[in-house]
Amino acid sequence: MLELVPAATTIGVILNPTRPTAAAQLKNAQDATRATGKTLRVFQARNLAEVATAFEQAGSEKAGAMFIAADPAFLVDVNRVVELASQYAIPTVYFLREFVVAGGLMSYGADIATAAKLCGDYAARILKGAKPADLPIQQSTKVELVINLKTAKTLGLTFPVTLLGRADEVIE
């Protein structure tokens, strides 16, 4: 995001404080903004109504960019989340490509197909008699960067060629 909007001084993050990974997500966001000299503004949201409030607050505070932390609660209505980012004209990074396909600016996150394959492999092993407690912990390590050029144009942004070159998918 910093390559796309380097002048942004305040970076917002919307996260669900009840999610087990919230503390780790918050620490990562704090570390990243501290390392880049930016100010972090945390918006807590447990549901779609609170996401709307977060975007409204971020808009009134002139947040230069926003990150949506990974949480299934934000997948309830992907289109509405994308619409809110557009309504307040806040460049937003999402955790899944589905947001970008719906018109969001960009995503950087797990490749769901790879994660689903890991789950399927586990299920198959259990069905063949493996004990779940004996199976090693696995985590998908494949992430993907997806960019939506149409949304960038609407926001008056131009992706640097270096960022476009790293993208796994570019939606025109």
N, C-alpha and C. Protein backbone atom coordinates (compact mmCIF):
# COMPACT_ATOMS: atom_id res chain seq x y z
N MET A 1 0.83 -1.19 0.00
CA MET A 1 0.00 0.00 0.00
C MET A 1 0.87 1.25 0.00
N LEU A 2 1.98 1.17 0.70
CA LEU A 2 2.86 2.34 0.78
C LEU A 2 3.48 2.70 -0.57
N GLU A 3 3.64 1.71 -1.44
CA GLU A 3 4.12 2.01 -2.79
C GLU A 3 3.06 2.73 -3.60
N LEU A 4 1.82 2.43 -3.34
CA LEU A 4 0.72 3.01 -4.10
C LEU A 4 0.34 4.40 -3.59
N VAL A 5 0.32 4.57 -2.29
CA VAL A 5 -0.03 5.87 -1.69
C VAL A 5 1.04 6.28 -0.68
N PRO A 6 2.24 6.61 -1.17
CA PRO A 6 3.34 6.92 -0.25
C PRO A 6 3.09 8.15 0.61
N ALA A 7 2.22 9.05 0.18
CA ALA A 7 1.96 10.26 0.96
C ALA A 7 1.00 10.02 2.12
N ALA A 8 0.38 8.85 2.19
CA ALA A 8 -0.55 8.55 3.28
C ALA A 8 0.20 8.56 4.60
N THR A 9 -0.26 9.36 5.54
CA THR A 9 0.39 9.43 6.84
C THR A 9 -0.35 8.61 7.89
N THR A 10 -1.67 8.47 7.72
CA THR A 10 -2.47 7.68 8.64
C THR A 10 -3.01 6.46 7.91
N ILE A 11 -2.69 5.30 8.45
CA ILE A 11 -3.14 4.03 7.88
C ILE A 11 -4.13 3.42 8.86
N GLY A 12 -5.30 3.08 8.37
CA GLY A 12 -6.31 2.45 9.21
C GLY A 12 -6.30 0.95 9.06
N VAL A 13 -6.73 0.27 10.09
CA VAL A 13 -6.92 -1.18 10.02
C VAL A 13 -8.26 -1.49 10.70
N ILE A 14 -9.07 -2.25 10.01
CA ILE A 14 -10.33 -2.72 10.59
C ILE A 14 -10.11 -4.16 11.01
N LEU A 15 -10.30 -4.41 12.29
CA LEU A 15 -10.15 -5.78 12.77
C LEU A 15 -11.21 -6.10 13.80
N ASN A 16 -11.49 -7.38 13.89
CA ASN A 16 -12.49 -7.89 14.82
C ASN A 16 -11.76 -8.25 16.12
N PRO A 17 -12.03 -7.51 17.21
CA PRO A 17 -11.30 -7.76 18.46
C PRO A 17 -11.64 -9.10 19.10
N THR A 18 -12.72 -9.76 18.66
CA THR A 18 -13.08 -11.05 19.24
C THR A 18 -12.44 -12.22 18.51
N ARG A 19 -11.78 -11.96 17.42
CA ARG A 19 -11.12 -13.03 16.66
C ARG A 19 -9.88 -13.48 17.41
N PRO A 20 -9.63 -14.77 17.49
CA PRO A 20 -8.45 -15.28 18.22
C PRO A 20 -7.13 -14.72 17.70
N THR A 21 -7.08 -14.36 16.43
CA THR A 21 -5.84 -13.84 15.84
C THR A 21 -5.74 -12.31 15.90
N ALA A 22 -6.69 -11.66 16.53
CA ALA A 22 -6.73 -10.19 16.53
C ALA A 22 -5.46 -9.58 17.12
N ALA A 23 -4.98 -10.11 18.22
CA ALA A 23 -3.78 -9.54 18.85
C ALA A 23 -2.58 -9.63 17.91
N ALA A 24 -2.41 -10.75 17.25
CA ALA A 24 -1.29 -10.91 16.32
C ALA A 24 -1.45 -9.99 15.11
N GLN A 25 -2.67 -9.88 14.61
CA GLN A 25 -2.92 -8.99 13.47
C GLN A 25 -2.62 -7.54 13.85
N LEU A 26 -3.04 -7.15 15.03
CA LEU A 26 -2.80 -5.79 15.50
C LEU A 26 -1.30 -5.54 15.66
N LYS A 27 -0.58 -6.48 16.25
CA LYS A 27 0.86 -6.31 16.43
C LYS A 27 1.56 -6.16 15.07
N ASN A 28 1.17 -6.97 14.10
CA ASN A 28 1.76 -6.87 12.76
C ASN A 28 1.50 -5.50 12.15
N ALA A 29 0.28 -5.00 12.30
CA ALA A 29 -0.05 -3.67 11.76
C ALA A 29 0.74 -2.59 12.49
N GLN A 30 0.87 -2.71 13.80
CA GLN A 30 1.64 -1.73 14.57
C GLN A 30 3.11 -1.75 14.16
N ASP A 31 3.67 -2.94 14.02
CA ASP A 31 5.07 -3.07 13.62
C ASP A 31 5.31 -2.46 12.24
N ALA A 32 4.40 -2.72 11.31
CA ALA A 32 4.55 -2.22 9.94
C ALA A 32 4.46 -0.70 9.89
N THR A 33 3.50 -0.13 10.59
CA THR A 33 3.37 1.33 10.55
C THR A 33 4.52 2.00 11.29
N ARG A 34 4.95 1.41 12.38
CA ARG A 34 6.08 1.97 13.12
C ARG A 34 7.34 1.96 12.25
N ALA A 35 7.55 0.87 11.54
CA ALA A 35 8.75 0.74 10.69
C ALA A 35 8.75 1.72 9.53
N THR A 36 7.58 2.17 9.13
CA THR A 36 7.49 3.08 7.99
C THR A 36 7.24 4.53 8.41
N GLY A 37 7.15 4.77 9.70
CA GLY A 37 6.93 6.13 10.18
C GLY A 37 5.51 6.63 10.00
N LYS A 38 4.58 5.72 9.80
CA LYS A 38 3.18 6.10 9.62
C LYS A 38 2.44 5.99 10.94
N THR A 39 1.26 6.60 10.99
CA THR A 39 0.40 6.52 12.16
C THR A 39 -0.67 5.47 11.90
N LEU A 40 -0.89 4.60 12.87
CA LEU A 40 -1.90 3.56 12.74
C LEU A 40 -3.15 3.99 13.49
N ARG A 41 -4.29 3.83 12.83
CA ARG A 41 -5.59 4.08 13.47
C ARG A 41 -6.35 2.77 13.42
N VAL A 42 -6.69 2.23 14.58
CA VAL A 42 -7.37 0.94 14.67
C VAL A 42 -8.87 1.16 14.80
N PHE A 43 -9.61 0.47 13.95
CA PHE A 43 -11.07 0.50 13.98
C PHE A 43 -11.55 -0.91 14.28
N GLN A 44 -12.26 -1.07 15.39
CA GLN A 44 -12.76 -2.39 15.75
C GLN A 44 -14.14 -2.60 15.14
N ALA A 45 -14.33 -3.79 14.58
CA ALA A 45 -15.61 -4.12 13.97
C ALA A 45 -15.87 -5.61 14.14
N ARG A 46 -17.02 -5.92 14.68
CA ARG A 46 -17.41 -7.32 14.89
C ARG A 46 -18.40 -7.80 13.83
N ASN A 47 -18.98 -6.83 13.10
CA ASN A 47 -20.01 -7.16 12.12
C ASN A 47 -20.04 -6.08 11.04
N LEU A 48 -20.91 -6.26 10.06
CA LEU A 48 -20.96 -5.35 8.93
C LEU A 48 -21.36 -3.93 9.32
N ALA A 49 -22.27 -3.79 10.28
CA ALA A 49 -22.68 -2.45 10.73
C ALA A 49 -21.49 -1.71 11.32
N GLU A 50 -20.65 -2.40 12.08
CA GLU A 50 -19.47 -1.76 12.66
C GLU A 50 -18.40 -1.48 11.62
N VAL A 51 -18.36 -2.27 10.55
CA VAL A 51 -17.46 -1.98 9.43
C VAL A 51 -17.88 -0.65 8.80
N ALA A 52 -19.18 -0.46 8.63
CA ALA A 52 -19.69 0.80 8.06
C ALA A 52 -19.31 1.98 8.94
N THR A 53 -19.43 1.83 10.24
CA THR A 53 -19.05 2.89 11.17
C THR A 53 -17.55 3.17 11.08
N ALA A 54 -16.76 2.11 10.95
CA ALA A 54 -15.30 2.26 10.85
C ALA A 54 -14.93 3.07 9.61
N PHE A 55 -15.53 2.75 8.47
CA PHE A 55 -15.24 3.51 7.26
C PHE A 55 -15.69 4.96 7.38
N GLU A 56 -16.83 5.17 8.02
CA GLU A 56 -17.31 6.54 8.22
C GLU A 56 -16.31 7.34 9.07
N GLN A 57 -15.84 6.73 10.14
CA GLN A 57 -14.84 7.40 10.99
C GLN A 57 -13.54 7.62 10.23
N ALA A 58 -13.09 6.62 9.49
CA ALA A 58 -11.85 6.74 8.73
C ALA A 58 -11.97 7.85 7.68
N GLY A 59 -13.13 7.94 7.08
CA GLY A 59 -13.36 9.00 6.11
C GLY A 59 -13.32 10.38 6.74
N SER A 60 -13.93 10.52 7.90
CA SER A 60 -13.94 11.83 8.57
C SER A 60 -12.56 12.18 9.11
N GLU A 61 -11.76 11.17 9.43
CA GLU A 61 -10.40 11.41 9.93
C GLU A 61 -9.37 11.49 8.80
N LYS A 62 -9.82 11.37 7.56
CA LYS A 62 -8.95 11.47 6.38
C LYS A 62 -7.84 10.41 6.38
N ALA A 63 -8.21 9.18 6.71
CA ALA A 63 -7.23 8.09 6.64
C ALA A 63 -6.75 7.97 5.20
N GLY A 64 -5.45 7.82 5.02
CA GLY A 64 -4.87 7.76 3.68
C GLY A 64 -4.96 6.39 3.05
N ALA A 65 -5.17 5.38 3.84
CA ALA A 65 -5.28 4.01 3.35
C ALA A 65 -5.89 3.15 4.45
N MET A 66 -6.40 1.99 4.05
CA MET A 66 -7.06 1.10 5.01
C MET A 66 -6.69 -0.34 4.69
N PHE A 67 -6.55 -1.13 5.75
CA PHE A 67 -6.38 -2.57 5.63
C PHE A 67 -7.56 -3.22 6.31
N ILE A 68 -8.07 -4.27 5.70
CA ILE A 68 -9.12 -5.08 6.32
C ILE A 68 -8.44 -6.34 6.82
N ALA A 69 -8.41 -6.54 8.12
CA ALA A 69 -7.76 -7.72 8.69
C ALA A 69 -8.59 -8.97 8.37
N ALA A 70 -7.91 -10.09 8.25
CA ALA A 70 -8.57 -11.34 7.91
C ALA A 70 -9.58 -11.74 8.99
N ASP A 71 -10.82 -11.92 8.55
CA ASP A 71 -11.88 -12.35 9.46
C ASP A 71 -13.09 -12.78 8.66
N PRO A 72 -13.63 -13.96 8.95
CA PRO A 72 -14.82 -14.42 8.22
C PRO A 72 -16.03 -13.48 8.38
N ALA A 73 -16.10 -12.73 9.46
CA ALA A 73 -17.22 -11.81 9.66
C ALA A 73 -17.29 -10.76 8.56
N PHE A 74 -16.16 -10.44 7.95
CA PHE A 74 -16.13 -9.42 6.90
C PHE A 74 -16.50 -10.01 5.53
N LEU A 75 -16.68 -11.33 5.48
CA LEU A 75 -17.06 -11.99 4.23
C LEU A 75 -18.58 -12.11 4.08
N VAL A 76 -19.32 -11.70 5.10
CA VAL A 76 -20.77 -11.81 5.08
C VAL A 76 -21.34 -11.09 3.86
N ASP A 77 -20.80 -9.92 3.54
CA ASP A 77 -21.25 -9.16 2.38
C ASP A 77 -20.04 -8.42 1.79
N VAL A 78 -19.29 -9.14 0.99
CA VAL A 78 -18.08 -8.60 0.37
C VAL A 78 -18.40 -7.34 -0.43
N ASN A 79 -19.50 -7.38 -1.18
CA ASN A 79 -19.88 -6.23 -2.00
C ASN A 79 -20.11 -4.98 -1.16
N ARG A 80 -20.72 -5.13 -0.02
CA ARG A 80 -20.99 -3.97 0.85
C ARG A 80 -19.69 -3.40 1.40
N VAL A 81 -18.76 -4.24 1.80
CA VAL A 81 -17.47 -3.77 2.32
C VAL A 81 -16.74 -2.98 1.23
N VAL A 82 -16.74 -3.51 0.01
CA VAL A 82 -16.09 -2.82 -1.10
C VAL A 82 -16.81 -1.49 -1.39
N GLU A 83 -18.12 -1.51 -1.33
CA GLU A 83 -18.91 -0.30 -1.55
C GLU A 83 -18.57 0.78 -0.53
N LEU A 84 -18.36 0.40 0.71
CA LEU A 84 -18.01 1.37 1.75
C LEU A 84 -16.65 2.00 1.49
N ALA A 85 -15.69 1.20 1.09
CA ALA A 85 -14.36 1.74 0.76
C ALA A 85 -14.48 2.74 -0.39
N SER A 86 -15.30 2.40 -1.37
CA SER A 86 -15.51 3.29 -2.52
C SER A 86 -16.24 4.57 -2.11
N GLN A 87 -17.27 4.42 -1.29
CA GLN A 87 -18.06 5.57 -0.84
C GLN A 87 -17.19 6.62 -0.16
N TYR A 88 -16.24 6.17 0.64
CA TYR A 88 -15.37 7.10 1.37
C TYR A 88 -14.04 7.33 0.64
N ALA A 89 -13.89 6.75 -0.55
CA ALA A 89 -12.71 6.93 -1.39
C ALA A 89 -11.40 6.66 -0.64
N ILE A 90 -11.40 5.56 0.11
CA ILE A 90 -10.21 5.17 0.87
C ILE A 90 -9.55 3.98 0.19
N PRO A 91 -8.31 4.15 -0.28
CA PRO A 91 -7.59 3.01 -0.86
C PRO A 91 -7.49 1.90 0.19
N THR A 92 -8.01 0.72 -0.16
CA THR A 92 -8.13 -0.36 0.82
C THR A 92 -7.52 -1.65 0.31
N VAL A 93 -6.78 -2.31 1.20
CA VAL A 93 -6.21 -3.63 0.93
C VAL A 93 -7.03 -4.66 1.70
N TYR A 94 -7.41 -5.71 1.00
CA TYR A 94 -8.23 -6.78 1.57
C TYR A 94 -7.40 -8.05 1.74
N PHE A 95 -7.97 -9.02 2.42
CA PHE A 95 -7.24 -10.25 2.70
C PHE A 95 -7.54 -11.38 1.72
N LEU A 96 -8.52 -11.18 0.83
CA LEU A 96 -8.86 -12.19 -0.17
C LEU A 96 -9.16 -11.55 -1.51
N ARG A 97 -8.85 -12.26 -2.58
CA ARG A 97 -9.08 -11.77 -3.94
C ARG A 97 -10.55 -11.51 -4.23
N GLU A 98 -11.47 -12.18 -3.52
CA GLU A 98 -12.90 -11.99 -3.77
C GLU A 98 -13.32 -10.53 -3.62
N PHE A 99 -12.67 -9.82 -2.73
CA PHE A 99 -12.98 -8.39 -2.56
C PHE A 99 -12.58 -7.61 -3.81
N VAL A 100 -11.45 -7.96 -4.41
CA VAL A 100 -10.95 -7.25 -5.59
C VAL A 100 -11.82 -7.58 -6.80
N VAL A 101 -12.24 -8.82 -6.93
CA VAL A 101 -13.14 -9.22 -8.00
C VAL A 101 -14.45 -8.43 -7.88
N ALA A 102 -14.87 -8.13 -6.65
CA ALA A 102 -16.10 -7.36 -6.41
C ALA A 102 -15.89 -5.86 -6.60
N GLY A 103 -14.66 -5.44 -6.93
CA GLY A 103 -14.40 -4.02 -7.18
C GLY A 103 -13.46 -3.36 -6.20
N GLY A 104 -12.92 -4.12 -5.26
CA GLY A 104 -11.96 -3.57 -4.31
C GLY A 104 -10.64 -3.25 -5.00
N LEU A 105 -9.82 -2.46 -4.37
CA LEU A 105 -8.56 -1.99 -4.97
C LEU A 105 -7.52 -3.09 -5.10
N MET A 106 -7.19 -3.74 -3.99
CA MET A 106 -6.16 -4.78 -4.05
C MET A 106 -6.27 -5.71 -2.84
N SER A 107 -5.74 -6.90 -3.03
CA SER A 107 -5.72 -7.86 -1.93
C SER A 107 -4.36 -8.53 -1.86
N TYR A 108 -4.01 -8.90 -0.66
CA TYR A 108 -2.79 -9.66 -0.43
C TYR A 108 -3.13 -10.65 0.66
N GLY A 109 -3.21 -11.91 0.28
CA GLY A 109 -3.61 -12.89 1.28
C GLY A 109 -3.52 -14.31 0.77
N ALA A 110 -4.02 -15.20 1.58
CA ALA A 110 -3.94 -16.62 1.29
C ALA A 110 -4.64 -16.97 -0.01
N ASP A 111 -4.06 -17.93 -0.69
CA ASP A 111 -4.69 -18.51 -1.86
C ASP A 111 -5.67 -19.56 -1.33
N ILE A 112 -6.96 -19.28 -1.43
CA ILE A 112 -7.98 -20.15 -0.85
C ILE A 112 -7.96 -21.55 -1.45
N ALA A 113 -7.67 -21.67 -2.73
CA ALA A 113 -7.63 -23.00 -3.36
C ALA A 113 -6.55 -23.86 -2.73
N THR A 114 -5.41 -23.27 -2.46
CA THR A 114 -4.32 -24.02 -1.83
C THR A 114 -4.70 -24.42 -0.40
N ALA A 115 -5.30 -23.50 0.33
CA ALA A 115 -5.74 -23.80 1.70
C ALA A 115 -6.81 -24.89 1.71
N ALA A 116 -7.73 -24.83 0.76
CA ALA A 116 -8.79 -25.85 0.68
C ALA A 116 -8.20 -27.22 0.37
N LYS A 117 -7.17 -27.25 -0.46
CA LYS A 117 -6.52 -28.53 -0.78
C LYS A 117 -5.90 -29.13 0.48
N LEU A 118 -5.27 -28.29 1.30
CA LEU A 118 -4.71 -28.79 2.56
C LEU A 118 -5.81 -29.40 3.43
N CYS A 119 -6.94 -28.72 3.52
CA CYS A 119 -8.07 -29.23 4.31
C CYS A 119 -8.57 -30.56 3.75
N GLY A 120 -8.67 -30.64 2.43
CA GLY A 120 -9.12 -31.88 1.79
C GLY A 120 -8.16 -33.02 2.05
N ASP A 121 -6.87 -32.73 1.99
CA ASP A 121 -5.86 -33.76 2.27
C ASP A 121 -6.00 -34.27 3.71
N TYR A 122 -6.23 -33.34 4.64
CA TYR A 122 -6.42 -33.74 6.03
C TYR A 122 -7.64 -34.64 6.18
N ALA A 123 -8.74 -34.22 5.57
CA ALA A 123 -9.98 -35.00 5.66
C ALA A 123 -9.76 -36.40 5.10
N ALA A 124 -9.07 -36.48 3.97
CA ALA A 124 -8.81 -37.79 3.36
C ALA A 124 -7.97 -38.67 4.28
N ARG A 125 -6.98 -38.09 4.90
CA ARG A 125 -6.12 -38.87 5.81
C ARG A 125 -6.92 -39.38 7.02
N ILE A 126 -7.81 -38.55 7.53
CA ILE A 126 -8.64 -38.97 8.67
C ILE A 126 -9.61 -40.07 8.25
N LEU A 127 -10.20 -39.91 7.07
CA LEU A 127 -11.13 -40.94 6.58
C LEU A 127 -10.41 -42.27 6.34
N LYS A 128 -9.13 -42.21 6.08
CA LYS A 128 -8.34 -43.44 5.86
C LYS A 128 -7.82 -44.01 7.17
N GLY A 129 -8.20 -43.39 8.31
CA GLY A 129 -7.85 -43.95 9.60
C GLY A 129 -6.84 -43.18 10.42
N ALA A 130 -6.28 -42.12 9.91
CA ALA A 130 -5.31 -41.35 10.70
C ALA A 130 -6.02 -40.67 11.86
N LYS A 131 -5.32 -40.60 12.98
CA LYS A 131 -5.86 -39.91 14.15
C LYS A 131 -5.55 -38.42 14.02
N PRO A 132 -6.55 -37.55 14.13
CA PRO A 132 -6.31 -36.11 13.99
C PRO A 132 -5.18 -35.59 14.88
N ALA A 133 -5.07 -36.11 16.10
CA ALA A 133 -4.03 -35.65 17.02
C ALA A 133 -2.62 -36.01 16.53
N ASP A 134 -2.53 -37.00 15.64
CA ASP A 134 -1.23 -37.42 15.13
C ASP A 134 -0.81 -36.65 13.87
N LEU A 135 -1.72 -35.89 13.30
CA LEU A 135 -1.41 -35.17 12.07
C LEU A 135 -0.64 -33.88 12.38
N PRO A 136 0.34 -33.56 11.57
CA PRO A 136 1.10 -32.33 11.81
C PRO A 136 0.25 -31.09 11.51
N ILE A 137 0.55 -30.02 12.17
CA ILE A 137 -0.12 -28.76 11.89
C ILE A 137 0.39 -28.24 10.56
N GLN A 138 -0.51 -27.83 9.70
CA GLN A 138 -0.14 -27.30 8.40
C GLN A 138 -0.78 -25.93 8.22
N GLN A 139 -0.11 -25.11 7.45
CA GLN A 139 -0.63 -23.80 7.14
C GLN A 139 -0.26 -23.48 5.70
N SER A 140 -1.22 -22.96 4.96
CA SER A 140 -0.94 -22.57 3.59
C SER A 140 0.09 -21.43 3.60
N THR A 141 1.10 -21.57 2.78
CA THR A 141 2.13 -20.53 2.71
C THR A 141 2.06 -19.75 1.40
N LYS A 142 1.14 -20.13 0.53
CA LYS A 142 1.00 -19.44 -0.75
C LYS A 142 0.08 -18.22 -0.56
N VAL A 143 0.61 -17.07 -0.88
CA VAL A 143 -0.20 -15.85 -0.84
C VAL A 143 -0.25 -15.27 -2.25
N GLU A 144 -1.27 -14.46 -2.50
CA GLU A 144 -1.40 -13.86 -3.81
C GLU A 144 -1.72 -12.37 -3.70
N LEU A 145 -1.19 -11.62 -4.65
CA LEU A 145 -1.44 -10.19 -4.76
C LEU A 145 -2.33 -9.99 -5.98
N VAL A 146 -3.51 -9.39 -5.75
CA VAL A 146 -4.47 -9.14 -6.82
C VAL A 146 -4.75 -7.64 -6.84
N ILE A 147 -4.72 -7.07 -8.04
CA ILE A 147 -4.87 -5.63 -8.23
C ILE A 147 -6.02 -5.34 -9.18
N ASN A 148 -6.80 -4.30 -8.88
CA ASN A 148 -7.91 -3.88 -9.73
C ASN A 148 -7.58 -2.49 -10.30
N LEU A 149 -7.20 -2.44 -11.58
CA LEU A 149 -6.81 -1.17 -12.20
C LEU A 149 -7.99 -0.22 -12.39
N LYS A 150 -9.17 -0.76 -12.62
CA LYS A 150 -10.36 0.09 -12.79
C LYS A 150 -10.65 0.87 -11.50
N THR A 151 -10.55 0.18 -10.38
CA THR A 151 -10.77 0.85 -9.09
C THR A 151 -9.68 1.88 -8.82
N ALA A 152 -8.45 1.54 -9.16
CA ALA A 152 -7.34 2.50 -8.99
C ALA A 152 -7.62 3.77 -9.77
N LYS A 153 -8.07 3.62 -11.00
CA LYS A 153 -8.38 4.78 -11.85
C LYS A 153 -9.49 5.62 -11.21
N THR A 154 -10.52 4.97 -10.69
CA THR A 154 -11.62 5.68 -10.03
C THR A 154 -11.11 6.50 -8.85
N LEU A 155 -10.11 5.96 -8.13
CA LEU A 155 -9.54 6.65 -6.97
C LEU A 155 -8.46 7.65 -7.36
N GLY A 156 -8.14 7.71 -8.65
CA GLY A 156 -7.10 8.62 -9.11
C GLY A 156 -5.70 8.13 -8.78
N LEU A 157 -5.54 6.81 -8.70
CA LEU A 157 -4.26 6.22 -8.34
C LEU A 157 -3.66 5.48 -9.54
N THR A 158 -2.35 5.46 -9.59
CA THR A 158 -1.64 4.73 -10.63
C THR A 158 -0.68 3.75 -9.94
N PHE A 159 -0.84 2.48 -10.25
CA PHE A 159 0.04 1.48 -9.66
C PHE A 159 1.43 1.58 -10.27
N PRO A 160 2.46 1.60 -9.45
CA PRO A 160 3.83 1.57 -9.97
C PRO A 160 4.05 0.28 -10.75
N VAL A 161 4.84 0.35 -11.80
CA VAL A 161 5.13 -0.82 -12.63
C VAL A 161 5.74 -1.93 -11.79
N THR A 162 6.56 -1.56 -10.81
CA THR A 162 7.21 -2.57 -9.97
C THR A 162 6.17 -3.37 -9.17
N LEU A 163 5.11 -2.71 -8.74
CA LEU A 163 4.05 -3.39 -7.99
C LEU A 163 3.20 -4.24 -8.93
N LEU A 164 2.89 -3.71 -10.10
CA LEU A 164 2.13 -4.49 -11.09
C LEU A 164 2.88 -5.75 -11.48
N GLY A 165 4.21 -5.65 -11.57
CA GLY A 165 5.03 -6.80 -11.94
C GLY A 165 5.01 -7.91 -10.91
N ARG A 166 4.75 -7.56 -9.67
CA ARG A 166 4.70 -8.57 -8.60
C ARG A 166 3.32 -9.19 -8.43
N ALA A 167 2.31 -8.62 -9.09
CA ALA A 167 0.94 -9.08 -8.93
C ALA A 167 0.74 -10.47 -9.54
N ASP A 168 -0.05 -11.29 -8.86
CA ASP A 168 -0.41 -12.60 -9.38
C ASP A 168 -1.55 -12.46 -10.39
N GLU A 169 -2.37 -11.42 -10.20
CA GLU A 169 -3.49 -11.18 -11.10
C GLU A 169 -3.77 -9.68 -11.14
N VAL A 170 -4.02 -9.18 -12.34
CA VAL A 170 -4.38 -7.78 -12.53
C VAL A 170 -5.73 -7.75 -13.24
N ILE A 171 -6.69 -7.12 -12.60
CA ILE A 171 -8.03 -6.99 -13.17
C ILE A 171 -8.12 -5.64 -13.85
N GLU A 172 -8.47 -5.66 -15.13
CA GLU A 172 -8.56 -4.43 -15.89
C GLU A 172 -9.99 -4.13 -16.09
